[in-house]
Amino acid sequence: MPQICSRTACDQLAAAKNTHQLLIGTGGGTRARHAYTVGAGLGLPTGVLSGLGAAVAAQNAAMLGYLMARYGVPVVASDGFAAVPLHLAQSHAVIFPGMPPFGMWHPSPDEGVIPPYRTDAGIFLIAEVYGCKQLIYVKDEDGLYTANPKTDKNATLIPRATAEEVIAMDLHDVVIERPVLDLMRNARFIRSVQIINGLKPGLLTRALAGEHVGTIISAD
């Protein structure tokens, strides 16, 4: 189950759906982070910010749906998951917005107002509920680093770690949402995730084949 935030993955997804059943979740990216920042500055509560994040993820799902339409890949909204098995049987792939459907009832964070369970967490929960074979987060970085590689030239890639180890590192920047680490420790099916760079051609295909091409974070 790949999370898509890069257009370069479309051809790989189209080819992969011939041999895999794909649940393709979309994140919010920079636009969602900007919306959260502006909304928090205006004093909006967590539930309202959750709706803003959901709207951005839904827009990204629609845009990816336009790109994948020629391959017969449909888009479902958060209230359309009952049709997912039918779509998978027909086209072997389906696109959905990754924001969990908390809406106004989103749990409040320990600090601040930014929703703690955003698209990374929502996609993890979907993968767990559907018992997916693997979960791949497609980002614009090679994986988890010791610091933000965009701003720190001394940042080094961490190819493999457990959720407990990542939590203990207490990194300032983590490439996936921190609640995913807690969810993984209590998951039944998704006991590891891989984070790969979707801007590098071929990596998604290799990851779907089970190859280690980014950072693997495991529960154990």
C-alpha atoms as a PDB file:
ATOM      1  CA  MET A   1       0.000   0.000   0.000  1.00  0.00           C
ATOM      2  CA  PRO A   2       1.964   3.033  -1.165  1.00  0.00           C
ATOM      3  CA  GLN A   3       1.330   6.575  -0.035  1.00  0.00           C
ATOM      4  CA  ILE A   4       1.810   8.812  -3.038  1.00  0.00           C
ATOM      5  CA  CYS A   5       3.101  12.369  -3.036  1.00  0.00           C
ATOM      6  CA  SER A   6       5.011  12.346  -6.336  1.00  0.00           C
ATOM      7  CA  ARG A   7       3.750  12.301  -9.906  1.00  0.00           C
ATOM      8  CA  THR A   8       6.789  10.321 -11.059  1.00  0.00           C
ATOM      9  CA  ALA A   9       5.315   7.193  -9.443  1.00  0.00           C
ATOM     10  CA  CYS A  10       2.248   7.029 -11.718  1.00  0.00           C
ATOM     11  CA  ASP A  11       3.765   4.820 -14.415  1.00  0.00           C
ATOM     12  CA  GLN A  12       5.198   2.488 -11.779  1.00  0.00           C
ATOM     13  CA  LEU A  13       1.802   2.216 -10.096  1.00  0.00           C
ATOM     14  CA  ALA A  14       0.108   1.502 -13.419  1.00  0.00           C
ATOM     15  CA  ALA A  15       2.537  -1.344 -14.059  1.00  0.00           C
ATOM     16  CA  ALA A  16       2.410  -2.614 -10.485  1.00  0.00           C
ATOM     17  CA  LYS A  17      -1.366  -2.998 -10.427  1.00  0.00           C
ATOM     18  CA  ASN A  18      -1.017  -5.832 -12.913  1.00  0.00           C
ATOM     19  CA  THR A  19       0.565  -7.953 -10.177  1.00  0.00           C
ATOM     20  CA  HIS A  20      -0.499  -6.203  -6.948  1.00  0.00           C
ATOM     21  CA  GLN A  21      -3.696  -4.874  -5.415  1.00  0.00           C
ATOM     22  CA  LEU A  22      -2.928  -1.277  -4.459  1.00  0.00           C
ATOM     23  CA  LEU A  23      -4.539   1.014  -1.919  1.00  0.00           C
ATOM     24  CA  ILE A  24      -3.048   4.411  -2.811  1.00  0.00           C
ATOM     25  CA  GLY A  25      -3.372   7.083  -0.123  1.00  0.00           C
ATOM     26  CA  THR A  26      -2.564  10.773  -0.633  1.00  0.00           C
ATOM     27  CA  GLY A  27      -0.981  13.067   1.922  1.00  0.00           C
ATOM     28  CA  GLY A  28      -1.359  16.785   2.455  1.00  0.00           C
ATOM     29  CA  GLY A  29       2.237  17.863   1.929  1.00  0.00           C
ATOM     30  CA  THR A  30       3.430  21.450   2.126  1.00  0.00           C
ATOM     31  CA  ARG A  31      -0.008  22.945   1.436  1.00  0.00           C
ATOM     32  CA  ALA A  32      -1.478  21.178   4.467  1.00  0.00           C
ATOM     33  CA  ARG A  33       1.400  22.294   6.691  1.00  0.00           C
ATOM     34  CA  HIS A  34       0.842  25.868   5.523  1.00  0.00           C
ATOM     35  CA  ALA A  35      -2.891  25.595   6.251  1.00  0.00           C
ATOM     36  CA  TYR A  36      -2.195  24.238   9.736  1.00  0.00           C
ATOM     37  CA  THR A  37       0.232  27.077  10.454  1.00  0.00           C
ATOM     38  CA  VAL A  38      -2.162  29.779   9.293  1.00  0.00           C
ATOM     39  CA  GLY A  39      -5.124  28.189  11.071  1.00  0.00           C
ATOM     40  CA  ALA A  40      -3.212  27.757  14.322  1.00  0.00           C
ATOM     41  CA  GLY A  41      -2.149  31.402  14.122  1.00  0.00           C
ATOM     42  CA  LEU A  42      -5.802  32.381  13.815  1.00  0.00           C
ATOM     43  CA  GLY A  43      -6.633  30.355  16.922  1.00  0.00           C
ATOM     44  CA  LEU A  44      -8.660  27.659  15.173  1.00  0.00           C
ATOM     45  CA  PRO A  45      -9.265  24.488  17.251  1.00  0.00           C
ATOM     46  CA  THR A  46      -7.882  21.070  16.388  1.00  0.00           C
ATOM     47  CA  GLY A  47     -11.157  19.790  14.906  1.00  0.00           C
ATOM     48  CA  VAL A  48     -11.358  22.651  12.415  1.00  0.00           C
ATOM     49  CA  LEU A  49      -7.696  22.204  11.447  1.00  0.00           C
ATOM     50  CA  SER A  50      -8.421  18.524  10.875  1.00  0.00           C
ATOM     51  CA  GLY A  51     -11.013  19.529   8.297  1.00  0.00           C
ATOM     52  CA  LEU A  52      -8.509  21.773   6.540  1.00  0.00           C
ATOM     53  CA  GLY A  53      -6.005  18.933   6.324  1.00  0.00           C
ATOM     54  CA  ALA A  54      -8.688  16.581   5.027  1.00  0.00           C
ATOM     55  CA  ALA A  55      -9.619  19.052   2.284  1.00  0.00           C
ATOM     56  CA  VAL A  56      -6.017  19.288   1.052  1.00  0.00           C
ATOM     57  CA  ALA A  57      -5.582  15.492   1.049  1.00  0.00           C
ATOM     58  CA  ALA A  58      -8.858  15.167  -0.877  1.00  0.00           C
ATOM     59  CA  GLN A  59      -7.648  17.674  -3.476  1.00  0.00           C
ATOM     60  CA  ASN A  60      -4.424  15.704  -3.890  1.00  0.00           C
ATOM     61  CA  ALA A  61      -6.434  12.488  -4.270  1.00  0.00           C
ATOM     62  CA  ALA A  62      -8.520  14.127  -6.997  1.00  0.00           C
ATOM     63  CA  MET A  63      -5.413  15.358  -8.837  1.00  0.00           C
ATOM     64  CA  LEU A  64      -3.763  11.944  -8.657  1.00  0.00           C
ATOM     65  CA  GLY A  65      -7.046  10.463  -9.836  1.00  0.00           C
ATOM     66  CA  TYR A  66      -6.892  12.652 -12.948  1.00  0.00           C
ATOM     67  CA  LEU A  67      -3.371  11.400 -13.654  1.00  0.00           C
ATOM     68  CA  MET A  68      -4.347   7.759 -13.099  1.00  0.00           C
ATOM     69  CA  ALA A  69      -7.736   7.879 -14.826  1.00  0.00           C
ATOM     70  CA  ARG A  70      -6.335   6.562 -18.112  1.00  0.00           C
ATOM     71  CA  TYR A  71      -5.262   3.441 -16.217  1.00  0.00           C
ATOM     72  CA  GLY A  72      -8.781   2.913 -14.860  1.00  0.00           C
ATOM     73  CA  VAL A  73      -7.916   3.747 -11.240  1.00  0.00           C
ATOM     74  CA  PRO A  74     -10.846   5.317  -9.328  1.00  0.00           C
ATOM     75  CA  VAL A  75     -10.876   7.702  -6.357  1.00  0.00           C
ATOM     76  CA  VAL A  76     -13.007   7.087  -3.271  1.00  0.00           C
ATOM     77  CA  ALA A  77     -13.878   9.565  -0.541  1.00  0.00           C
ATOM     78  CA  SER A  78     -13.671   8.714   3.146  1.00  0.00           C
ATOM     79  CA  ASP A  79     -17.372   7.738   3.123  1.00  0.00           C
ATOM     80  CA  GLY A  80     -16.938   5.420   0.144  1.00  0.00           C
ATOM     81  CA  PHE A  81     -14.740   2.705   1.614  1.00  0.00           C
ATOM     82  CA  ALA A  82     -17.507   0.126   1.397  1.00  0.00           C
ATOM     83  CA  ALA A  83     -16.837   0.064  -2.354  1.00  0.00           C
ATOM     84  CA  VAL A  84     -13.068  -0.502  -2.031  1.00  0.00           C
ATOM     85  CA  PRO A  85     -13.237  -4.327  -2.432  1.00  0.00           C
ATOM     86  CA  LEU A  86     -15.275  -3.882  -5.627  1.00  0.00           C
ATOM     87  CA  HIS A  87     -12.792  -1.369  -7.043  1.00  0.00           C
ATOM     88  CA  LEU A  88      -9.866  -3.634  -6.186  1.00  0.00           C
ATOM     89  CA  ALA A  89     -11.554  -6.576  -7.902  1.00  0.00           C
ATOM     90  CA  GLN A  90     -12.172  -4.512 -11.037  1.00  0.00           C
ATOM     91  CA  SER A  91      -9.049  -2.382 -11.391  1.00  0.00           C
ATOM     92  CA  HIS A  92      -6.591  -3.736  -8.756  1.00  0.00           C
ATOM     93  CA  ALA A  93      -6.068  -0.207  -7.439  1.00  0.00           C
ATOM     94  CA  VAL A  94      -7.956   2.603  -5.722  1.00  0.00           C
ATOM     95  CA  ILE A  95      -6.973   6.109  -4.603  1.00  0.00           C
ATOM     96  CA  PHE A  96      -8.162   7.709  -1.359  1.00  0.00           C
ATOM     97  CA  PRO A  97      -7.342  10.795   0.764  1.00  0.00           C
ATOM     98  CA  GLY A  98      -5.225   9.766   3.724  1.00  0.00           C
ATOM     99  CA  MET A  99      -6.645  12.004   6.465  1.00  0.00           C
ATOM    100  CA  PRO A 100      -8.427   9.941   9.150  1.00  0.00           C
ATOM    101  CA  PRO A 101     -12.127  10.850   9.400  1.00  0.00           C
ATOM    102  CA  PHE A 102     -12.064  12.373  12.891  1.00  0.00           C
ATOM    103  CA  GLY A 103     -13.309  15.732  11.663  1.00  0.00           C
ATOM    104  CA  MET A 104     -14.463  17.959  14.514  1.00  0.00           C
ATOM    105  CA  TRP A 105     -13.881  15.112  16.963  1.00  0.00           C
ATOM    106  CA  HIS A 106     -10.167  14.822  16.302  1.00  0.00           C
ATOM    107  CA  PRO A 107      -8.229  14.025  19.530  1.00  0.00           C
ATOM    108  CA  SER A 108      -6.428  17.074  20.863  1.00  0.00           C
ATOM    109  CA  PRO A 109      -2.618  17.022  20.966  1.00  0.00           C
ATOM    110  CA  ASP A 110      -0.673  17.229  24.204  1.00  0.00           C
ATOM    111  CA  GLU A 111       0.689  20.608  23.082  1.00  0.00           C
ATOM    112  CA  GLY A 112      -0.662  23.169  20.641  1.00  0.00           C
ATOM    113  CA  VAL A 113      -3.598  22.586  18.297  1.00  0.00           C
ATOM    114  CA  ILE A 114      -2.114  20.827  15.225  1.00  0.00           C
ATOM    115  CA  PRO A 115      -3.964  17.507  14.670  1.00  0.00           C
ATOM    116  CA  PRO A 116      -1.661  14.693  15.839  1.00  0.00           C
ATOM    117  CA  TYR A 117      -3.238  12.066  13.541  1.00  0.00           C
ATOM    118  CA  ARG A 118      -2.802  13.314  10.001  1.00  0.00           C
ATOM    119  CA  THR A 119      -2.378  11.565   6.658  1.00  0.00           C
ATOM    120  CA  ASP A 120       0.556   9.299   7.560  1.00  0.00           C
ATOM    121  CA  ALA A 121      -1.383   7.992  10.547  1.00  0.00           C
ATOM    122  CA  GLY A 122      -4.627   7.726   8.593  1.00  0.00           C
ATOM    123  CA  ILE A 123      -2.980   5.699   5.855  1.00  0.00           C
ATOM    124  CA  PHE A 124      -1.381   3.432   8.437  1.00  0.00           C
ATOM    125  CA  LEU A 125      -4.793   2.778  10.003  1.00  0.00           C
ATOM    126  CA  ILE A 126      -6.318   1.936   6.610  1.00  0.00           C
ATOM    127  CA  ALA A 127      -3.459  -0.446   5.838  1.00  0.00           C
ATOM    128  CA  GLU A 128      -3.923  -2.132   9.210  1.00  0.00           C
ATOM    129  CA  VAL A 129      -7.702  -2.434   8.891  1.00  0.00           C
ATOM    130  CA  TYR A 130      -7.418  -3.976   5.410  1.00  0.00           C
ATOM    131  CA  GLY A 131      -4.553  -6.249   6.438  1.00  0.00           C
ATOM    132  CA  CYS A 132      -2.217  -5.002   3.724  1.00  0.00           C
ATOM    133  CA  LYS A 133       0.919  -6.988   2.972  1.00  0.00           C
ATOM    134  CA  GLN A 134       3.164  -3.926   3.182  1.00  0.00           C
ATOM    135  CA  LEU A 135       3.002  -0.163   3.641  1.00  0.00           C
ATOM    136  CA  ILE A 136       5.307   2.099   1.652  1.00  0.00           C
ATOM    137  CA  TYR A 137       5.515   5.832   2.337  1.00  0.00           C
ATOM    138  CA  VAL A 138       6.587   7.663  -0.821  1.00  0.00           C
ATOM    139  CA  LYS A 139       8.266  10.917   0.136  1.00  0.00           C
ATOM    140  CA  ASP A 140      10.726  13.393  -1.375  1.00  0.00           C
ATOM    141  CA  GLU A 141      13.577  12.105   0.806  1.00  0.00           C
ATOM    142  CA  ASP A 142      15.522   8.843   0.741  1.00  0.00           C
ATOM    143  CA  GLY A 143      14.161   7.880   4.170  1.00  0.00           C
ATOM    144  CA  LEU A 144      14.696   8.749   7.818  1.00  0.00           C
ATOM    145  CA  TYR A 145      17.675  10.973   8.586  1.00  0.00           C
ATOM    146  CA  THR A 146      19.388  12.065  11.792  1.00  0.00           C
ATOM    147  CA  ALA A 147      18.360  15.633  10.862  1.00  0.00           C
ATOM    148  CA  ASN A 148      16.560  17.426   8.061  1.00  0.00           C
ATOM    149  CA  PRO A 149      18.746  16.770   4.993  1.00  0.00           C
ATOM    150  CA  LYS A 150      17.333  19.865   3.301  1.00  0.00           C
ATOM    151  CA  THR A 151      18.833  22.144   5.936  1.00  0.00           C
ATOM    152  CA  ASP A 152      21.632  20.102   7.539  1.00  0.00           C
ATOM    153  CA  LYS A 153      24.426  18.858   5.268  1.00  0.00           C
ATOM    154  CA  ASN A 154      25.675  16.588   8.067  1.00  0.00           C
ATOM    155  CA  ALA A 155      22.415  14.629   8.230  1.00  0.00           C
ATOM    156  CA  THR A 156      22.910  10.908   7.682  1.00  0.00           C
ATOM    157  CA  LEU A 157      20.449   8.312   6.466  1.00  0.00           C
ATOM    158  CA  ILE A 158      19.176   5.724   8.947  1.00  0.00           C
ATOM    159  CA  PRO A 159      18.527   2.627   6.781  1.00  0.00           C
ATOM    160  CA  ARG A 160      16.817   0.557   9.462  1.00  0.00           C
ATOM    161  CA  ALA A 161      15.479   1.097  12.986  1.00  0.00           C
ATOM    162  CA  THR A 162      12.746  -0.050  15.309  1.00  0.00           C
ATOM    163  CA  ALA A 163       9.914   2.211  16.371  1.00  0.00           C
ATOM    164  CA  GLU A 164      11.301   2.179  19.909  1.00  0.00           C
ATOM    165  CA  GLU A 165      14.728   3.244  18.658  1.00  0.00           C
ATOM    166  CA  VAL A 166      13.301   6.128  16.635  1.00  0.00           C
ATOM    167  CA  ILE A 167      11.269   7.303  19.619  1.00  0.00           C
ATOM    168  CA  ALA A 168      14.363   7.107  21.843  1.00  0.00           C
ATOM    169  CA  MET A 169      16.374   9.171  19.324  1.00  0.00           C
ATOM    170  CA  ASP A 170      13.972  12.088  19.935  1.00  0.00           C
ATOM    171  CA  LEU A 171      14.833  13.555  16.533  1.00  0.00           C
ATOM    172  CA  HIS A 172      13.856  17.130  15.784  1.00  0.00           C
ATOM    173  CA  ASP A 173      12.649  16.118  12.300  1.00  0.00           C
ATOM    174  CA  VAL A 174      11.006  12.765  11.546  1.00  0.00           C
ATOM    175  CA  VAL A 175      10.039  11.930   7.962  1.00  0.00           C
ATOM    176  CA  ILE A 176       6.751  10.301   9.044  1.00  0.00           C
ATOM    177  CA  GLU A 177       4.303  11.437  11.699  1.00  0.00           C
ATOM    178  CA  ARG A 178       5.327  10.407  15.198  1.00  0.00           C
ATOM    179  CA  PRO A 179       1.939   8.792  16.059  1.00  0.00           C
ATOM    180  CA  VAL A 180       2.690   6.171  13.373  1.00  0.00           C
ATOM    181  CA  LEU A 181       5.457   4.841  15.623  1.00  0.00           C
ATOM    182  CA  ASP A 182       2.980   4.307  18.466  1.00  0.00           C
ATOM    183  CA  LEU A 183       0.397   2.772  16.149  1.00  0.00           C
ATOM    184  CA  MET A 184       2.971   0.346  14.786  1.00  0.00           C
ATOM    185  CA  ARG A 185       3.840  -0.959  18.236  1.00  0.00           C
ATOM    186  CA  ASN A 186       0.222  -2.033  18.734  1.00  0.00           C
ATOM    187  CA  ALA A 187      -0.572  -3.160  15.170  1.00  0.00           C
ATOM    188  CA  ARG A 188      -1.506  -6.697  14.208  1.00  0.00           C
ATOM    189  CA  PHE A 189      -0.701  -6.701  10.473  1.00  0.00           C
ATOM    190  CA  ILE A 190       1.507  -3.686   9.672  1.00  0.00           C
ATOM    191  CA  ARG A 191       4.576  -4.461  11.745  1.00  0.00           C
ATOM    192  CA  SER A 192       6.944  -2.453   9.561  1.00  0.00           C
ATOM    193  CA  VAL A 193       6.883   0.380   7.041  1.00  0.00           C
ATOM    194  CA  GLN A 194       9.342   1.470   4.378  1.00  0.00           C
ATOM    195  CA  ILE A 195      10.008   5.112   3.480  1.00  0.00           C
ATOM    196  CA  ILE A 196      11.346   5.698  -0.042  1.00  0.00           C
ATOM    197  CA  ASN A 197      12.113   8.578  -2.375  1.00  0.00           C
ATOM    198  CA  GLY A 198       9.396   8.813  -5.000  1.00  0.00           C
ATOM    199  CA  LEU A 199      11.457  11.262  -7.058  1.00  0.00           C
ATOM    200  CA  LYS A 200      13.930   8.523  -7.956  1.00  0.00           C
ATOM    201  CA  PRO A 201      12.630   6.377 -10.836  1.00  0.00           C
ATOM    202  CA  GLY A 202      12.203   2.692 -10.171  1.00  0.00           C
ATOM    203  CA  LEU A 203      12.389   2.735  -6.382  1.00  0.00           C
ATOM    204  CA  LEU A 204       8.656   2.189  -5.896  1.00  0.00           C
ATOM    205  CA  THR A 205       8.704  -0.852  -8.179  1.00  0.00           C
ATOM    206  CA  ARG A 206      11.657  -2.275  -6.272  1.00  0.00           C
ATOM    207  CA  ALA A 207      10.035  -1.601  -2.902  1.00  0.00           C
ATOM    208  CA  LEU A 208       6.811  -3.307  -3.984  1.00  0.00           C
ATOM    209  CA  ALA A 209       8.924  -6.319  -4.927  1.00  0.00           C
ATOM    210  CA  GLY A 210      10.180  -6.454  -1.338  1.00  0.00           C
ATOM    211  CA  GLU A 211      13.557  -4.791  -1.845  1.00  0.00           C
ATOM    212  CA  HIS A 212      15.050  -2.546   0.834  1.00  0.00           C
ATOM    213  CA  VAL A 213      15.568   0.776  -0.985  1.00  0.00           C
ATOM    214  CA  GLY A 214      14.923   3.370   1.725  1.00  0.00           C
ATOM    215  CA  THR A 215      14.408   3.288   5.476  1.00  0.00           C
ATOM    216  CA  ILE A 216      12.589   0.400   7.111  1.00  0.00           C
ATOM    217  CA  ILE A 217      11.065   1.062  10.539  1.00  0.00           C
ATOM    218  CA  SER A 218       9.751  -2.016  12.294  1.00  0.00           C
ATOM    219  CA  ALA A 219       7.780  -2.674  15.434  1.00  0.00           C
ATOM    220  CA  ASP A 220      10.193  -5.333  16.651  1.00  0.00           C
END
